[in-house]
C-alpha atoms as a PDB file:
ATOM      1  CA  MET A   1    -266.924  -0.853  30.435  1.00  0.00           C
ATOM      2  CA  ASP A   2    -268.781  -3.984  29.844  1.00  0.00           C
ATOM      3  CA  ASP A   3    -270.099  -5.717  26.577  1.00  0.00           C
ATOM      4  CA  LEU A   4    -273.270  -3.818  26.577  1.00  0.00           C
ATOM      5  CA  ASP A   5    -271.183  -0.549  26.517  1.00  0.00           C
ATOM      6  CA  ARG A   6    -269.061  -1.921  23.749  1.00  0.00           C
ATOM      7  CA  ARG A   7    -272.180  -3.064  21.768  1.00  0.00           C
ATOM      8  CA  ILE A   8    -273.686   0.482  22.051  1.00  0.00           C
ATOM      9  CA  LEU A   9    -270.328   2.066  21.035  1.00  0.00           C
ATOM     10  CA  ASN A  10    -269.985   0.055  17.946  1.00  0.00           C
ATOM     11  CA  ILE A  11    -273.444   1.354  16.658  1.00  0.00           C
ATOM     12  CA  LEU A  12    -272.477   4.942  17.498  1.00  0.00           C
ATOM     13  CA  ARG A  13    -269.045   4.605  15.799  1.00  0.00           C
ATOM     14  CA  ARG A  14    -270.816   3.606  12.634  1.00  0.00           C
ATOM     15  CA  ASP A  15    -273.600   6.651  13.098  1.00  0.00           C
ATOM     16  CA  ALA A  16    -273.446   8.861  16.010  1.00  0.00           C
ATOM     17  CA  ARG A  17    -276.812  10.066  15.212  1.00  0.00           C
ATOM     18  CA  THR A  18    -278.637   6.713  15.737  1.00  0.00           C
ATOM     19  CA  PRO A  19    -281.610   7.248  18.037  1.00  0.00           C
ATOM     20  CA  TYR A  20    -281.352   5.634  21.546  1.00  0.00           C
ATOM     21  CA  THR A  21    -284.532   3.746  20.851  1.00  0.00           C
ATOM     22  CA  GLU A  22    -282.943   2.152  17.810  1.00  0.00           C
ATOM     23  CA  ILE A  23    -279.809   1.348  19.781  1.00  0.00           C
ATOM     24  CA  ALA A  24    -281.700  -0.200  22.507  1.00  0.00           C
ATOM     25  CA  GLU A  25    -283.827  -2.343  20.364  1.00  0.00           C
ATOM     26  CA  SER A  26    -280.530  -3.631  18.496  1.00  0.00           C
ATOM     27  CA  VAL A  27    -278.769  -4.524  21.897  1.00  0.00           C
ATOM     28  CA  GLY A  28    -281.837  -5.611  23.615  1.00  0.00           C
ATOM     29  CA  THR A  29    -282.366  -3.255  26.444  1.00  0.00           C
ATOM     30  CA  SER A  30    -284.250  -0.096  27.250  1.00  0.00           C
ATOM     31  CA  GLU A  31    -283.913   3.394  25.792  1.00  0.00           C
ATOM     32  CA  GLY A  32    -283.349   4.757  29.249  1.00  0.00           C
ATOM     33  CA  THR A  33    -280.502   2.342  29.727  1.00  0.00           C
ATOM     34  CA  VAL A  34    -278.735   3.294  26.559  1.00  0.00           C
ATOM     35  CA  ARG A  35    -279.208   6.987  27.484  1.00  0.00           C
ATOM     36  CA  ASN A  36    -277.811   6.477  31.095  1.00  0.00           C
ATOM     37  CA  ARG A  37    -274.793   4.439  29.637  1.00  0.00           C
ATOM     38  CA  VAL A  38    -274.000   7.062  26.921  1.00  0.00           C
ATOM     39  CA  GLU A  39    -274.133   9.750  29.533  1.00  0.00           C
ATOM     40  CA  ARG A  40    -271.847   7.719  31.773  1.00  0.00           C
ATOM     41  CA  MET A  41    -269.249   7.036  29.105  1.00  0.00           C
ATOM     42  CA  LEU A  42    -269.318  10.733  28.220  1.00  0.00           C
ATOM     43  CA  ASP A  43    -268.721  11.615  31.836  1.00  0.00           C
ATOM     44  CA  ASP A  44    -266.024   9.073  32.079  1.00  0.00           C
ATOM     45  CA  GLY A  45    -264.044  10.128  28.865  1.00  0.00           C
ATOM     46  CA  ALA A  46    -264.815   6.909  26.981  1.00  0.00           C
ATOM     47  CA  ILE A  47    -266.672   8.876  24.418  1.00  0.00           C
ATOM     48  CA  GLU A  48    -264.668  12.033  23.776  1.00  0.00           C
ATOM     49  CA  ARG A  49    -266.990  13.739  21.224  1.00  0.00           C
ATOM     50  CA  PHE A  50    -269.576  13.061  18.536  1.00  0.00           C
ATOM     51  CA  THR A  51    -268.304  13.828  15.070  1.00  0.00           C
ATOM     52  CA  VAL A  52    -269.383  13.675  11.278  1.00  0.00           C
ATOM     53  CA  ALA A  53    -267.650  11.751   8.574  1.00  0.00           C
ATOM     54  CA  THR A  54    -267.686  13.544   5.410  1.00  0.00           C
ATOM     55  CA  ARG A  55    -267.596  12.905   1.677  1.00  0.00           C
ATOM     56  CA  THR A  56    -266.809  16.354   0.279  1.00  0.00           C
ATOM     57  CA  GLY A  57    -264.754  15.838  -2.496  1.00  0.00           C
ATOM     58  CA  ASN A  58    -261.781  17.101  -0.595  1.00  0.00           C
ATOM     59  CA  VAL A  59    -258.192  15.741  -0.447  1.00  0.00           C
ATOM     60  CA  LYS A  60    -257.967  13.432   2.444  1.00  0.00           C
ATOM     61  CA  ALA A  61    -254.393  12.212   3.444  1.00  0.00           C
ATOM     62  CA  MET A  62    -252.434  11.037   6.486  1.00  0.00           C
ATOM     63  CA  VAL A  63    -249.267  13.185   7.172  1.00  0.00           C
ATOM     64  CA  GLU A  64    -246.715  11.232   9.054  1.00  0.00           C
ATOM     65  CA  VAL A  65    -244.610  13.596  11.043  1.00  0.00           C
ATOM     66  CA  GLY A  66    -241.222  13.031  12.787  1.00  0.00           C
ATOM     67  CA  VAL A  67    -239.977  15.007  15.546  1.00  0.00           C
ATOM     68  CA  ALA A  68    -236.558  15.400  17.223  1.00  0.00           C
ATOM     69  CA  VAL A  69    -235.737  13.040  20.202  1.00  0.00           C
ATOM     70  CA  ASP A  70    -235.982  15.949  22.725  1.00  0.00           C
ATOM     71  CA  VAL A  71    -239.300  17.245  21.876  1.00  0.00           C
ATOM     72  CA  ASP A  72    -242.477  17.228  23.827  1.00  0.00           C
ATOM     73  CA  THR A  73    -244.476  15.272  21.406  1.00  0.00           C
ATOM     74  CA  ARG A  74    -247.859  16.003  23.347  1.00  0.00           C
ATOM     75  CA  ALA A  75    -247.180  19.877  22.788  1.00  0.00           C
ATOM     76  CA  VAL A  76    -246.520  19.502  19.217  1.00  0.00           C
ATOM     77  CA  SER A  77    -249.622  17.249  18.646  1.00  0.00           C
ATOM     78  CA  ASP A  78    -251.863  19.801  20.581  1.00  0.00           C
ATOM     79  CA  ALA A  79    -250.735  22.576  18.419  1.00  0.00           C
ATOM     80  CA  MET A  80    -251.220  20.716  15.079  1.00  0.00           C
ATOM     81  CA  ALA A  81    -254.775  19.814  16.242  1.00  0.00           C
ATOM     82  CA  ASP A  82    -255.880  23.374  16.082  1.00  0.00           C
ATOM     83  CA  TRP A  83    -255.179  23.523  12.375  1.00  0.00           C
ATOM     84  CA  ASP A  84    -258.286  23.905  10.369  1.00  0.00           C
ATOM     85  CA  ALA A  85    -257.783  20.938   8.096  1.00  0.00           C
ATOM     86  CA  VAL A  86    -256.820  18.591  10.546  1.00  0.00           C
ATOM     87  CA  ASP A  87    -259.475  15.882  11.704  1.00  0.00           C
ATOM     88  CA  TYR A  88    -257.305  13.993  14.016  1.00  0.00           C
ATOM     89  CA  VAL A  89    -253.796  13.792  15.518  1.00  0.00           C
ATOM     90  CA  TRP A  90    -252.496  10.656  16.788  1.00  0.00           C
ATOM     91  CA  GLN A  91    -249.353  10.104  18.678  1.00  0.00           C
ATOM     92  CA  VAL A  92    -247.816   6.798  17.194  1.00  0.00           C
ATOM     93  CA  SER A  93    -244.973   4.288  17.941  1.00  0.00           C
ATOM     94  CA  GLY A  94    -242.663   3.449  15.097  1.00  0.00           C
ATOM     95  CA  GLU A  95    -240.597   5.221  12.610  1.00  0.00           C
ATOM     96  CA  GLU A  96    -242.871   8.486  12.699  1.00  0.00           C
ATOM     97  CA  ASP A  97    -244.027  10.123  15.913  1.00  0.00           C
ATOM     98  CA  ILE A  98    -247.446  11.859  14.952  1.00  0.00           C
ATOM     99  CA  VAL A  99    -249.994  11.055  12.288  1.00  0.00           C
ATOM    100  CA  LEU A 100    -252.248  13.845  11.103  1.00  0.00           C
ATOM    101  CA  VAL A 101    -255.487  12.919   9.416  1.00  0.00           C
ATOM    102  CA  VAL A 102    -256.249  15.796   7.138  1.00  0.00           C
ATOM    103  CA  ASP A 103    -259.156  16.799   5.044  1.00  0.00           C
ATOM    104  CA  ALA A 104    -257.926  19.481   2.971  1.00  0.00           C
ATOM    105  CA  ALA A 105    -259.854  21.506   0.377  1.00  0.00           C
ATOM    106  CA  ASP A 106    -257.410  20.765  -2.566  1.00  0.00           C
ATOM    107  CA  THR A 107    -253.839  19.660  -3.085  1.00  0.00           C
ATOM    108  CA  ASN A 108    -252.691  23.221  -2.646  1.00  0.00           C
ATOM    109  CA  ALA A 109    -254.111  23.468   0.857  1.00  0.00           C
ATOM    110  CA  LEU A 110    -252.688  19.947   1.612  1.00  0.00           C
ATOM    111  CA  ASN A 111    -249.193  21.393   0.379  1.00  0.00           C
ATOM    112  CA  ASP A 112    -249.551  24.346   2.762  1.00  0.00           C
ATOM    113  CA  LEU A 113    -250.420  22.302   5.698  1.00  0.00           C
ATOM    114  CA  ILE A 114    -247.298  20.009   4.916  1.00  0.00           C
ATOM    115  CA  THR A 115    -245.160  23.163   4.529  1.00  0.00           C
ATOM    116  CA  LYS A 116    -246.441  24.699   7.790  1.00  0.00           C
ATOM    117  CA  ALA A 117    -245.500  21.298   9.565  1.00  0.00           C
ATOM    118  CA  ARG A 118    -242.060  21.307   8.086  1.00  0.00           C
ATOM    119  CA  GLU A 119    -241.369  24.960   9.200  1.00  0.00           C
ATOM    120  CA  LEU A 120    -241.687  24.028  12.831  1.00  0.00           C
ATOM    121  CA  ASP A 121    -238.468  23.512  14.552  1.00  0.00           C
ATOM    122  CA  GLU A 122    -239.508  20.369  16.140  1.00  0.00           C
ATOM    123  CA  VAL A 123    -240.322  18.492  12.981  1.00  0.00           C
ATOM    124  CA  VAL A 124    -237.342  16.583  11.169  1.00  0.00           C
ATOM    125  CA  SER A 125    -239.517  14.828   8.677  1.00  0.00           C
ATOM    126  CA  THR A 126    -242.905  14.266   6.997  1.00  0.00           C
ATOM    127  CA  LYS A 127    -244.373  11.624   4.913  1.00  0.00           C
ATOM    128  CA  THR A 128    -247.809  11.935   3.237  1.00  0.00           C
ATOM    129  CA  ARG A 129    -250.104   9.411   2.278  1.00  0.00           C
ATOM    130  CA  LEU A 130    -253.173  10.172   0.133  1.00  0.00           C
ATOM    131  CA  ILE A 131    -256.304   8.379   1.319  1.00  0.00           C
ATOM    132  CA  LEU A 132    -257.792   7.021  -1.916  1.00  0.00           C
ATOM    133  CA  ASN A 133    -260.884   5.280  -0.423  1.00  0.00           C
ATOM    134  CA  GLU A 134    -262.763   5.005   2.889  1.00  0.00           C
ATOM    135  CA  THR A 135    -264.898   2.154   3.903  1.00  0.00           C
ATOM    136  CA  LEU A 136    -266.641   2.359   7.242  1.00  0.00           C
ATOM    137  CA  GLY A 137    -265.691  -0.344   9.768  1.00  0.00           C
END
């Protein structure tokens, strides 16, 4: 990945629907070059998916999850990634092992998700942080 790829990615991170012609103009190359590079980054796995950021009025939160030391963190993360309200699952270093980024319909739905996590045998702790505001970086 070179500087041009990084500049293309920075534009797509802000708005994945930006037309290739607009990206090409912004980075000083042709639309075909942008198209080829995006396709290559998709094939290489540098771009995993295109997604939508929402402002639905839902309750957004980060749920930090601690698991037992003998647990396969990847397996727990994969299972949690399938939960409806979960946008992202991060395996992290530090006090907690997994962070869920959640977009729940309301506080009851968020509480249900936290309870579901706590009911897993592998989970030893949770800590929840409500997301009060988001600013696109």
